[in-house]
Amino acid sequence: MALTQRLEFRQSQSLVMTPQLMQAIKLLQLSNLDLVAFVEDELERNPLLERASDGPEPPVAGEPARDAGFAEGDEAAAFGDDGGASGPDVEPAAEEWMSRDLGSRTDLEQTFDSGLENVFPEEPAEAAARTAQDAAPTAFTEWGGGASNDDDYNLEAFVAAEVTLGEHLAEQLAVAVTAPAQRMIGQYLIDLVDDAGYLPADLGDVGDKLGASASDVAAVLAVLQTFDPPGICARNLSECLAIQLREKDRYDPAMQALVEHLELLAKRDIAGLRKICGVDDEDLADMIGEIRHLDPKPGLKFGATRTQTVVPDVYVRPGPDGGWLVELNSDTLPRVLVNQTYYAELSKTIRKDGDKSYFTDCLQNATWLVRALDQRARTILKVATEIVRQQDGFFTSGVAHLRPLNLKTVADAIQMHESTVSRVTANKYMATNRGIFELKYFFTASIAAADGGDAHSAEAVRHHIRQLIDAESPSAILSDDTIVERLRESGIDIARRTVAKYREALRIPSSVQRRRDKQSVLGNALVV
């Protein structure tokens, strides 16, 4: 077969992921804290990007005025399929949306040579106001709290610094130990103490690392265990409780036997404890009561990490017509502007190709970021609205009416890809009349109905199992098989192993353990 050369034309379609589109996909799955950090970095990097003021921005000349916010009924363009970095999961609509109205790079560079008088024909007063494209398209005032307009007023400046556990122990070490070698050993041990106040169970290598004998390490450890708070620097729970009991002068032989056999206390083996401690039921109940009043984690009193309150991304509240109103939390959405006035001034003065290229890139990136943030907000709102529509029974009647729901159902309803919905629901929270829930909470597996009716949500089944166990009497403890029968009577077809798995996930003990807890004469003293 002879080899020949020929020239031919072929028309084909391919999906290309631009860096900006890849970044827009990444923005979807960021939490509100990560998004703020990302926008702050862009504000420092891009001179044409600036933070928007809190007040309403003036409309762009030649464009209709926009409301400060949008909610459930607003029309939003589909973000597109973002299943991966490339491949058939990416919808061309996403690429088209990200690139529309930006113009080519050549067109942008030509603005430096020709000036921007014809591009931005606003009056000087209007130009000074700067064209604003608000990336936070929602305003929520009824649920969100007010804030001070004074940026210099910071309440955190009035909060006293917390004393960490290490600092608290180091201060006591400086007073209790004077020998330099012992201080070095003590400080090394203090550095090993975890947040709960415990040392590692094995301290055999401490002496080797410091060049000290085991007796010196043990002597310093004994001193550290006398520090405040009582129970600090213990190597296990039994030692921690023993230190606290010695502090209260209650570490007698019977109490020592109880502390050394905490595993029997965890199993509620009252007969075994009574035999080991050599006491009657009343004395054992008093001893257990004393144990319960001790602190198993004394180190958490110092320098504990502050609990970060979850800030919801979406608010859901009852509407006047009996429905539900879905609104975005504007406090979690960064507001940025493109400083086109500065760009217009630079275009009249800069003539170097390198400078032109730099500011052209800055303008493209700034315009893209504003649109990406706006589209991210609209996509979150669209997904949240569909979730509320699908789970209307949950908001009205509670978790027992939670319906089975998967990503495909929501994606098909809003004409997006499953991966887009998955990214939107990651690290996002919804404030409802029943509390704050992660968006992924509303996506649960389905359990078949025994009578062939509608399937049941796995979360609703778990809630039903907990209700059955909470209502059982001490004389009639429900086994897993009995729970299966009760659920089938309620129309839920479920296997015994699934009931056991759900019960363990709810941290509910087995029927044998529950019977022992509820029938024990010391049940009231043992059950928290």
Protein backbone atom coordinates (compact mmCIF):
# COMPACT_ATOMS: atom_id res chain seq x y z
CA MET A 1 0.00 0.00 0.00
CA ALA A 2 1.52 3.31 -1.09
CA LEU A 3 1.82 6.20 1.34
CA THR A 4 0.43 9.49 0.11
CA GLN A 5 -0.01 12.97 1.53
CA ARG A 6 -3.29 14.80 1.39
CA LEU A 7 -4.90 17.88 2.95
CA GLU A 8 -8.38 17.63 4.39
CA PHE A 9 -10.69 19.61 6.70
CA ARG A 10 -12.42 18.06 9.68
CA GLN A 11 -15.02 19.61 11.90
CA SER A 12 -15.17 18.33 15.46
CA GLN A 13 -16.31 19.44 18.87
CA SER A 14 -14.22 19.29 22.03
CA LEU A 15 -14.61 20.52 25.55
CA VAL A 16 -11.87 22.77 26.88
CA MET A 17 -11.51 23.79 30.51
CA THR A 18 -10.02 27.25 30.82
CA PRO A 19 -8.17 28.15 34.04
CA GLN A 20 -10.92 30.62 34.91
CA LEU A 21 -13.64 28.01 34.48
CA MET A 22 -11.69 25.56 36.62
CA GLN A 23 -11.39 28.23 39.31
CA ALA A 24 -15.12 28.93 39.10
CA ILE A 25 -15.82 25.25 39.68
CA LYS A 26 -13.53 25.35 42.69
CA LEU A 27 -15.39 28.34 44.11
CA LEU A 28 -18.60 26.32 44.23
CA GLN A 29 -17.39 23.92 46.90
CA LEU A 30 -15.64 26.49 49.10
CA SER A 31 -17.18 27.25 52.49
CA ASN A 32 -17.98 30.86 53.32
CA LEU A 33 -14.76 31.18 55.36
CA ASP A 34 -12.60 29.76 52.56
CA LEU A 35 -14.36 32.01 50.06
CA VAL A 36 -13.61 35.11 52.11
CA ALA A 37 -9.95 34.11 52.32
CA PHE A 38 -9.82 33.56 48.56
CA VAL A 39 -11.39 36.95 47.83
CA GLU A 40 -8.99 38.67 50.23
CA ASP A 41 -6.05 37.20 48.34
CA GLU A 42 -7.51 38.43 45.06
CA LEU A 43 -8.01 41.92 46.50
CA GLU A 44 -4.34 42.09 47.46
CA ARG A 45 -3.17 40.72 44.12
CA ASN A 46 -5.40 42.65 41.71
CA PRO A 47 -5.19 46.50 41.68
CA LEU A 48 -8.41 46.78 39.65
CA LEU A 49 -10.42 44.88 42.25
CA GLU A 50 -11.73 46.55 45.39
CA ARG A 51 -14.11 45.80 48.20
CA ALA A 52 -17.63 47.13 47.74
CA SER A 53 -19.17 49.50 50.25
CA ASP A 54 -22.02 48.40 52.44
CA GLY A 55 -24.53 50.76 50.83
CA PRO A 56 -26.29 50.24 47.50
CA GLU A 57 -24.12 50.83 44.46
CA PRO A 58 -25.13 53.19 41.68
CA PRO A 59 -26.41 51.50 38.53
CA VAL A 60 -24.23 51.24 35.49
CA ALA A 61 -25.08 53.83 32.86
CA GLY A 62 -27.27 52.38 30.15
CA GLU A 63 -28.35 49.40 32.27
CA PRO A 64 -31.54 48.99 34.28
CA ALA A 65 -31.24 49.31 38.01
CA ARG A 66 -31.00 46.05 39.94
CA ASP A 67 -32.50 45.27 43.29
CA ALA A 68 -30.21 44.82 46.25
CA GLY A 69 -31.19 41.22 46.58
CA PHE A 70 -32.83 38.28 44.88
CA ALA A 71 -34.57 35.28 46.25
CA GLU A 72 -36.50 32.23 45.18
CA GLY A 73 -38.24 33.57 42.09
CA ASP A 74 -35.25 35.20 40.39
CA GLU A 75 -34.13 33.84 37.07
CA ALA A 76 -30.53 32.61 36.98
CA ALA A 77 -28.52 31.18 34.11
CA ALA A 78 -27.51 27.55 34.46
CA PHE A 79 -23.97 27.23 35.74
CA GLY A 80 -23.33 24.13 33.70
CA ASP A 81 -21.93 20.70 34.26
CA ASP A 82 -18.65 20.73 36.17
CA GLY A 83 -18.04 17.06 36.62
CA GLY A 84 -14.25 17.33 36.37
CA ALA A 85 -11.27 19.12 34.98
CA SER A 86 -12.12 17.97 31.50
CA GLY A 87 -14.29 15.49 29.70
CA PRO A 88 -17.95 15.01 28.85
CA ASP A 89 -19.19 16.23 32.26
CA VAL A 90 -18.51 19.87 31.33
CA GLU A 91 -21.37 21.68 29.62
CA PRO A 92 -20.43 24.13 26.88
CA ALA A 93 -22.90 26.57 28.44
CA ALA A 94 -20.56 27.04 31.37
CA GLU A 95 -17.67 28.02 29.14
CA GLU A 96 -19.91 30.31 27.11
CA TRP A 97 -21.19 32.00 30.24
CA MET A 98 -17.73 32.56 31.67
CA SER A 99 -16.42 34.12 28.46
CA ARG A 100 -19.35 36.23 27.30
CA ASP A 101 -19.03 40.01 26.98
CA LEU A 102 -15.36 40.02 27.90
CA GLY A 103 -14.09 40.46 24.37
CA SER A 104 -10.78 39.23 23.06
CA ARG A 105 -7.44 40.06 24.59
CA THR A 106 -6.57 42.11 21.51
CA ASP A 107 -9.70 44.22 21.97
CA LEU A 108 -8.81 44.91 25.57
CA GLU A 109 -5.23 45.88 24.73
CA GLN A 110 -6.44 48.23 22.03
CA THR A 111 -8.29 50.25 24.64
CA PHE A 112 -4.93 51.48 25.93
CA ASP A 113 -4.09 52.94 22.54
CA SER A 114 -7.48 54.41 21.67
CA GLY A 115 -8.58 55.49 25.13
CA LEU A 116 -11.81 54.57 26.85
CA GLU A 117 -13.85 57.69 26.12
CA ASN A 118 -16.09 55.77 23.72
CA VAL A 119 -16.19 52.65 25.85
CA PHE A 120 -17.28 54.36 29.08
CA PRO A 121 -19.18 57.50 27.99
CA GLU A 122 -20.41 58.41 31.50
CA GLU A 123 -20.23 61.91 32.80
CA PRO A 124 -17.33 62.70 35.16
CA ALA A 125 -19.61 62.50 38.17
CA GLU A 126 -20.89 59.15 37.09
CA ALA A 127 -17.43 57.89 36.27
CA ALA A 128 -16.21 58.90 39.71
CA ALA A 129 -18.85 56.66 41.26
CA ARG A 130 -17.23 53.65 39.54
CA THR A 131 -19.10 50.95 37.74
CA ALA A 132 -20.30 48.39 40.27
CA GLN A 133 -21.08 44.78 39.78
CA ASP A 134 -22.18 43.42 43.08
CA ALA A 135 -21.05 39.86 43.69
CA ALA A 136 -23.40 39.40 46.65
CA PRO A 137 -26.82 39.55 45.03
CA THR A 138 -28.92 38.94 48.11
CA ALA A 139 -29.89 41.09 51.04
CA PHE A 140 -31.23 39.52 54.20
CA THR A 141 -32.26 41.79 57.01
CA GLU A 142 -34.93 39.95 58.92
CA TRP A 143 -32.74 37.02 60.05
CA GLY A 144 -29.28 38.56 60.10
CA GLY A 145 -28.06 40.67 62.98
CA GLY A 146 -26.95 44.28 62.71
CA ALA A 147 -23.33 45.36 62.81
CA SER A 148 -21.48 48.52 63.60
CA ASN A 149 -20.59 50.75 60.67
CA ASP A 150 -17.34 51.72 62.34
CA ASP A 151 -14.68 49.44 60.90
CA ASP A 152 -12.22 50.49 63.60
CA TYR A 153 -14.45 49.24 66.38
CA ASN A 154 -13.48 45.66 67.07
CA LEU A 155 -15.06 43.83 69.99
CA GLU A 156 -12.33 41.20 69.91
CA ALA A 157 -9.87 43.85 71.05
CA PHE A 158 -11.59 43.82 74.45
CA VAL A 159 -11.31 40.06 74.95
CA ALA A 160 -8.58 39.03 77.39
CA ALA A 161 -6.03 36.53 76.13
CA GLU A 162 -6.63 33.00 77.35
CA VAL A 163 -4.02 31.27 79.47
CA THR A 164 -3.05 28.01 77.85
CA LEU A 165 -2.56 24.81 79.80
CA GLY A 166 1.16 24.82 79.04
CA GLU A 167 1.57 28.36 80.34
CA HIS A 168 -0.40 27.54 83.49
CA LEU A 169 1.77 24.51 84.23
CA ALA A 170 5.01 26.34 83.39
CA GLU A 171 4.19 29.06 85.92
CA GLN A 172 3.71 26.44 88.63
CA LEU A 173 6.89 24.62 87.56
CA ALA A 174 8.93 27.78 88.02
CA VAL A 175 7.80 27.98 91.65
CA ALA A 176 7.82 24.29 92.58
CA VAL A 177 11.15 23.25 91.00
CA THR A 178 14.43 25.13 91.35
CA ALA A 179 17.03 22.68 90.03
CA PRO A 180 17.81 23.44 86.36
CA ALA A 181 17.94 19.75 85.38
CA GLN A 182 14.57 19.04 86.96
CA ARG A 183 13.09 22.13 85.33
CA MET A 184 14.25 20.91 81.95
CA ILE A 185 12.63 17.52 82.54
CA GLY A 186 9.47 19.18 83.81
CA GLN A 187 9.19 21.51 80.82
CA TYR A 188 9.75 18.61 78.45
CA LEU A 189 6.92 16.67 80.12
CA ILE A 190 4.65 19.73 80.03
CA ASP A 191 5.21 19.96 76.29
CA LEU A 192 3.95 16.37 75.98
CA VAL A 193 0.66 17.07 77.77
CA ASP A 194 -2.31 16.99 75.40
CA ASP A 195 -5.36 19.27 75.45
CA ALA A 196 -7.21 16.99 77.88
CA GLY A 197 -4.31 17.15 80.36
CA TYR A 198 -2.86 13.66 79.80
CA LEU A 199 0.70 12.50 79.24
CA PRO A 200 1.57 9.57 76.96
CA ALA A 201 1.19 6.21 78.65
CA ASP A 202 4.84 5.28 77.99
CA LEU A 203 7.47 7.76 79.16
CA GLY A 204 10.38 5.36 78.87
CA ASP A 205 12.16 7.29 76.11
CA VAL A 206 12.03 10.64 77.94
CA GLY A 207 15.08 9.81 80.04
CA ASP A 208 17.03 8.62 77.00
CA LYS A 209 16.31 11.82 75.06
CA LEU A 210 17.20 14.09 77.97
CA GLY A 211 20.06 12.02 79.38
CA ALA A 212 18.26 11.59 82.72
CA SER A 213 17.56 8.52 84.79
CA ALA A 214 14.12 6.97 85.07
CA SER A 215 14.00 7.85 88.77
CA ASP A 216 14.59 11.55 87.99
CA VAL A 217 11.77 11.55 85.45
CA ALA A 218 9.47 9.78 87.93
CA ALA A 219 10.32 12.32 90.65
CA VAL A 220 9.52 15.28 88.40
CA LEU A 221 6.34 13.59 87.21
CA ALA A 222 5.20 13.19 90.80
CA VAL A 223 5.66 16.92 91.31
CA LEU A 224 3.74 17.77 88.14
CA GLN A 225 0.82 15.62 89.25
CA THR A 226 0.38 17.86 92.28
CA PHE A 227 -0.20 20.92 90.11
CA ASP A 228 -3.51 22.63 89.49
CA PRO A 229 -5.95 21.49 88.17
CA PRO A 230 -6.16 18.22 90.12
CA GLY A 231 -5.70 15.18 87.90
CA ILE A 232 -3.30 16.88 85.50
CA CYS A 233 -0.36 15.02 83.92
CA ALA A 234 -1.95 11.60 84.43
CA ARG A 235 -1.14 8.81 82.03
CA ASN A 236 -4.57 7.18 81.99
CA LEU A 237 -8.06 7.72 83.33
CA SER A 238 -7.57 5.61 86.45
CA GLU A 239 -4.50 7.62 87.44
CA CYS A 240 -6.32 10.90 86.74
CA LEU A 241 -9.23 9.93 89.02
CA ALA A 242 -6.85 8.63 91.68
CA ILE A 243 -5.01 11.97 91.79
CA GLN A 244 -8.25 13.85 92.28
CA LEU A 245 -9.44 11.46 94.98
CA ARG A 246 -6.15 11.84 96.87
CA GLU A 247 -6.64 15.60 96.68
CA LYS A 248 -10.01 15.12 98.40
CA ASP A 249 -8.59 12.54 100.85
CA ARG A 250 -11.04 9.92 99.58
CA TYR A 251 -8.64 7.38 98.12
CA ASP A 252 -9.27 4.54 100.55
CA PRO A 253 -8.79 0.83 99.66
CA ALA A 254 -12.40 0.40 98.52
CA MET A 255 -12.20 3.45 96.26
CA GLN A 256 -8.83 2.29 94.96
CA ALA A 257 -10.33 -1.04 93.97
CA LEU A 258 -13.17 0.75 92.17
CA VAL A 259 -10.79 3.06 90.27
CA GLU A 260 -8.59 0.15 89.24
CA HIS A 261 -11.58 -1.71 87.77
CA LEU A 262 -13.28 1.01 85.74
CA GLU A 263 -13.96 -1.50 82.97
CA LEU A 264 -16.47 -3.23 85.26
CA LEU A 265 -18.10 0.12 85.95
CA ALA A 266 -18.41 0.72 82.21
CA LYS A 267 -20.10 -2.67 81.84
CA ARG A 268 -22.44 -1.96 84.77
CA ASP A 269 -21.23 -5.14 86.48
CA ILE A 270 -22.55 -4.19 89.91
CA ALA A 271 -22.15 -7.63 91.42
CA GLY A 272 -18.51 -7.81 90.38
CA LEU A 273 -17.73 -4.34 91.74
CA ARG A 274 -19.51 -5.06 94.99
CA LYS A 275 -17.41 -8.19 95.46
CA ILE A 276 -14.09 -6.52 94.58
CA CYS A 277 -14.66 -3.41 96.70
CA GLY A 278 -16.14 -5.31 99.64
CA VAL A 279 -19.00 -2.85 100.20
CA ASP A 280 -22.77 -3.01 100.12
CA ASP A 281 -25.08 -1.50 97.50
CA GLU A 282 -25.54 1.80 99.31
CA ASP A 283 -21.82 2.44 99.78
CA LEU A 284 -21.12 1.43 96.18
CA ALA A 285 -23.75 3.88 94.97
CA ASP A 286 -22.08 6.67 96.97
CA MET A 287 -18.65 5.77 95.61
CA ILE A 288 -19.95 5.79 92.04
CA GLY A 289 -21.55 9.16 92.67
CA GLU A 290 -18.18 10.55 93.78
CA ILE A 291 -16.53 9.19 90.65
CA ARG A 292 -19.13 10.88 88.49
CA HIS A 293 -18.37 14.28 90.05
CA LEU A 294 -14.67 14.09 89.12
CA ASP A 295 -13.25 15.69 85.98
CA PRO A 296 -11.98 13.10 83.47
CA LYS A 297 -10.36 15.80 81.28
CA PRO A 298 -8.98 18.50 83.58
CA GLY A 299 -6.84 20.09 80.88
CA LEU A 300 -9.84 21.38 78.93
CA LYS A 301 -10.32 24.17 81.47
CA PHE A 302 -7.33 26.06 80.08
CA GLY A 303 -6.86 27.49 76.61
CA ALA A 304 -9.69 25.50 75.11
CA THR A 305 -10.31 26.19 71.45
CA ARG A 306 -13.24 28.52 71.01
CA THR A 307 -16.23 26.95 69.42
CA GLN A 308 -16.76 28.44 65.99
CA THR A 309 -20.43 29.06 65.47
CA VAL A 310 -21.70 27.75 62.16
CA VAL A 311 -22.77 30.63 59.95
CA PRO A 312 -25.59 29.51 57.66
CA ASP A 313 -25.37 30.21 53.95
CA VAL A 314 -29.13 29.98 53.40
CA TYR A 315 -32.13 30.99 55.51
CA VAL A 316 -35.49 29.25 55.27
CA ARG A 317 -38.50 30.76 56.99
CA PRO A 318 -42.27 30.34 56.72
CA GLY A 319 -43.93 32.48 54.08
CA PRO A 320 -47.16 34.42 54.41
CA ASP A 321 -48.97 32.06 52.04
CA GLY A 322 -48.07 28.90 53.94
CA GLY A 323 -45.00 28.13 51.83
CA TRP A 324 -41.34 28.67 52.56
CA LEU A 325 -39.11 31.64 51.73
CA VAL A 326 -35.53 30.81 50.79
CA GLU A 327 -32.95 33.58 51.01
CA LEU A 328 -29.18 33.76 50.95
CA ASN A 329 -27.24 35.12 53.89
CA SER A 330 -25.65 38.23 52.43
CA ASP A 331 -23.12 38.38 55.29
CA THR A 332 -21.35 35.31 53.92
CA LEU A 333 -21.09 36.66 50.36
CA PRO A 334 -18.09 38.91 49.62
CA ARG A 335 -18.87 42.12 47.73
CA VAL A 336 -16.26 43.24 45.21
CA LEU A 337 -16.13 45.84 42.44
CA VAL A 338 -14.17 46.34 39.24
CA ASN A 339 -12.49 49.75 39.38
CA GLN A 340 -13.01 50.70 35.75
CA THR A 341 -12.26 54.37 36.44
CA TYR A 342 -8.72 53.49 37.42
CA TYR A 343 -8.48 51.27 34.37
CA ALA A 344 -9.64 54.14 32.12
CA GLU A 345 -7.03 56.49 33.56
CA LEU A 346 -4.26 53.96 33.09
CA SER A 347 -5.21 53.37 29.47
CA LYS A 348 -4.41 57.00 28.66
CA THR A 349 -0.92 56.97 30.16
CA ILE A 350 0.56 53.48 29.85
CA ARG A 351 2.25 52.65 26.57
CA LYS A 352 4.56 49.73 27.43
CA ASP A 353 3.40 46.39 26.12
CA GLY A 354 4.26 44.60 29.36
CA ASP A 355 2.18 47.01 31.45
CA LYS A 356 -0.70 46.78 29.00
CA SER A 357 -0.67 43.01 29.20
CA TYR A 358 -0.58 43.07 33.01
CA PHE A 359 -3.57 45.39 33.42
CA THR A 360 -5.47 43.57 30.70
CA ASP A 361 -5.11 40.37 32.69
CA CYS A 362 -6.15 42.19 35.85
CA LEU A 363 -9.32 43.48 34.18
CA GLN A 364 -10.20 40.04 32.86
CA ASN A 365 -9.61 38.38 36.22
CA ALA A 366 -11.55 41.02 38.13
CA THR A 367 -14.52 40.85 35.77
CA TRP A 368 -14.46 37.08 35.91
CA LEU A 369 -14.37 37.01 39.71
CA VAL A 370 -17.37 39.32 40.03
CA ARG A 371 -19.39 37.14 37.67
CA ALA A 372 -18.20 33.90 39.25
CA LEU A 373 -19.22 35.06 42.71
CA ASP A 374 -22.59 36.18 41.43
CA GLN A 375 -23.20 32.89 39.67
CA ARG A 376 -22.04 30.92 42.72
CA ALA A 377 -24.64 32.70 44.85
CA ARG A 378 -27.39 32.08 42.31
CA THR A 379 -26.48 28.39 42.02
CA ILE A 380 -26.55 27.92 45.80
CA LEU A 381 -29.95 29.59 45.95
CA LYS A 382 -31.30 27.43 43.14
CA VAL A 383 -30.12 24.19 44.77
CA ALA A 384 -31.36 25.22 48.23
CA THR A 385 -34.77 26.16 46.83
CA GLU A 386 -35.16 22.75 45.22
CA ILE A 387 -34.10 21.00 48.44
CA VAL A 388 -36.75 22.92 50.37
CA ARG A 389 -39.34 22.00 47.77
CA GLN A 390 -38.40 18.32 47.90
CA GLN A 391 -38.26 18.17 51.72
CA ASP A 392 -41.32 20.28 52.49
CA GLY A 393 -42.57 17.60 54.90
CA PHE A 394 -39.45 17.90 57.04
CA PHE A 395 -39.85 21.64 57.51
CA THR A 396 -43.55 21.25 58.28
CA SER A 397 -43.69 18.11 60.44
CA GLY A 398 -40.15 17.10 61.43
CA VAL A 399 -37.53 14.47 60.72
CA ALA A 400 -40.07 11.64 60.62
CA HIS A 401 -41.33 13.07 57.31
CA LEU A 402 -37.90 13.38 55.69
CA ARG A 403 -38.11 11.96 52.18
CA PRO A 404 -35.44 9.89 50.38
CA LEU A 405 -33.45 12.25 48.18
CA ASN A 406 -30.36 11.93 46.02
CA LEU A 407 -28.24 14.30 43.98
CA LYS A 408 -29.68 13.16 40.67
CA THR A 409 -33.23 14.10 41.66
CA VAL A 410 -32.20 17.67 42.49
CA ALA A 411 -29.88 17.92 39.49
CA ASP A 412 -32.61 16.84 37.06
CA ALA A 413 -35.11 19.26 38.58
CA ILE A 414 -32.84 22.29 38.17
CA GLN A 415 -31.19 21.05 34.95
CA MET A 416 -27.69 20.80 36.31
CA HIS A 417 -25.20 17.98 36.67
CA GLU A 418 -24.95 15.85 39.81
CA SER A 419 -21.37 16.94 40.38
CA THR A 420 -22.46 20.58 40.41
CA VAL A 421 -25.09 19.84 43.07
CA SER A 422 -22.53 17.86 45.05
CA ARG A 423 -20.11 20.79 45.05
CA VAL A 424 -22.81 23.28 45.97
CA THR A 425 -23.98 21.23 48.95
CA ALA A 426 -20.46 20.72 50.31
CA ASN A 427 -19.62 22.87 53.35
CA LYS A 428 -22.89 24.83 53.09
CA TYR A 429 -25.44 25.18 55.88
CA MET A 430 -29.12 26.04 56.00
CA ALA A 431 -30.85 27.76 58.93
CA THR A 432 -34.40 26.46 59.34
CA ASN A 433 -37.16 26.56 61.89
CA ARG A 434 -35.79 23.24 63.19
CA GLY A 435 -32.16 24.25 63.51
CA ILE A 436 -29.09 24.58 61.31
CA PHE A 437 -28.35 21.67 59.00
CA GLU A 438 -25.71 20.97 56.39
CA LEU A 439 -27.22 20.80 52.93
CA LYS A 440 -25.98 17.23 52.58
CA TYR A 441 -28.14 16.26 55.57
CA PHE A 442 -31.21 16.35 53.35
CA PHE A 443 -29.79 13.71 50.99
CA THR A 444 -30.56 10.31 52.51
CA ALA A 445 -30.84 6.75 51.27
CA SER A 446 -34.22 5.14 50.81
CA ILE A 447 -35.70 2.21 52.72
CA ALA A 448 -38.34 0.21 50.87
CA ALA A 449 -41.90 0.23 52.14
CA ALA A 450 -43.34 -3.08 53.31
CA ASP A 451 -46.66 -2.47 51.59
CA GLY A 452 -45.14 -1.35 48.31
CA GLY A 453 -45.87 2.33 48.94
CA ASP A 454 -43.49 5.27 48.97
CA ALA A 455 -39.97 4.57 50.23
CA HIS A 456 -38.82 5.89 53.61
CA SER A 457 -35.79 8.05 54.31
CA ALA A 458 -32.94 6.38 56.19
CA GLU A 459 -32.79 9.34 58.56
CA ALA A 460 -36.50 9.01 59.30
CA VAL A 461 -36.03 5.29 59.97
CA ARG A 462 -33.21 6.02 62.42
CA HIS A 463 -35.47 8.52 64.15
CA HIS A 464 -38.21 5.88 64.37
CA ILE A 465 -35.77 3.35 65.89
CA ARG A 466 -34.73 5.85 68.55
CA GLN A 467 -38.37 6.55 69.40
CA LEU A 468 -39.10 2.84 69.82
CA ILE A 469 -36.12 2.32 72.12
CA ASP A 470 -36.83 5.44 74.17
CA ALA A 471 -40.40 4.23 74.76
CA GLU A 472 -39.49 0.69 75.84
CA SER A 473 -40.09 -0.32 79.45
CA PRO A 474 -37.47 -1.98 81.72
CA SER A 475 -39.54 -5.17 81.75
CA ALA A 476 -39.91 -5.33 77.95
CA ILE A 477 -36.61 -4.46 76.26
CA LEU A 478 -36.84 -4.55 72.48
CA SER A 479 -34.38 -6.78 70.66
CA ASP A 480 -33.26 -5.98 67.13
CA ASP A 481 -35.62 -8.64 65.79
CA THR A 482 -38.53 -7.10 67.68
CA ILE A 483 -37.64 -3.66 66.31
CA VAL A 484 -37.68 -5.13 62.79
CA GLU A 485 -41.18 -6.46 63.40
CA ARG A 486 -42.39 -3.14 64.78
CA LEU A 487 -40.97 -1.29 61.79
CA ARG A 488 -42.62 -3.70 59.34
CA GLU A 489 -45.91 -3.12 61.12
CA SER A 490 -45.34 0.58 60.42
CA GLY A 491 -44.76 -0.15 56.74
CA ILE A 492 -40.94 -0.13 56.75
CA ASP A 493 -39.21 -3.13 55.17
CA ILE A 494 -35.77 -3.36 56.77
CA ALA A 495 -33.28 -6.11 57.59
CA ARG A 496 -32.07 -6.91 61.10
CA ARG A 497 -28.45 -6.10 60.27
CA THR A 498 -29.55 -2.67 59.06
CA VAL A 499 -31.34 -2.04 62.35
CA ALA A 500 -28.21 -3.06 64.24
CA LYS A 501 -26.09 -0.74 62.08
CA TYR A 502 -28.43 2.21 62.63
CA ARG A 503 -28.62 1.50 66.37
CA GLU A 504 -24.84 1.47 66.67
CA ALA A 505 -24.61 4.68 64.65
CA LEU A 506 -26.99 6.27 67.17
CA ARG A 507 -24.74 4.97 69.97
CA ILE A 508 -27.55 2.96 71.49
CA PRO A 509 -26.34 -0.15 73.38
CA SER A 510 -27.60 -3.64 72.69
CA SER A 511 -30.76 -5.02 74.26
CA VAL A 512 -28.71 -6.99 76.81
CA GLN A 513 -26.86 -3.89 77.93
CA ARG A 514 -30.06 -1.82 78.06
CA ARG A 515 -31.82 -4.48 80.13
CA ARG A 516 -28.91 -4.49 82.57
CA ASP A 517 -28.97 -0.71 82.82
CA LYS A 518 -32.71 -0.36 83.34
CA GLN A 519 -33.26 -3.29 85.67
CA SER A 520 -30.27 -2.65 87.89
CA VAL A 521 -31.04 -1.39 91.39
CA LEU A 522 -28.37 1.22 90.80
CA GLY A 523 -29.63 2.20 87.38
CA ASN A 524 -30.53 5.71 88.46
CA ALA A 525 -27.03 6.22 89.88
CA LEU A 526 -25.25 4.83 86.83
CA VAL A 527 -27.18 6.16 83.86
CA VAL A 528 -26.13 9.70 82.99
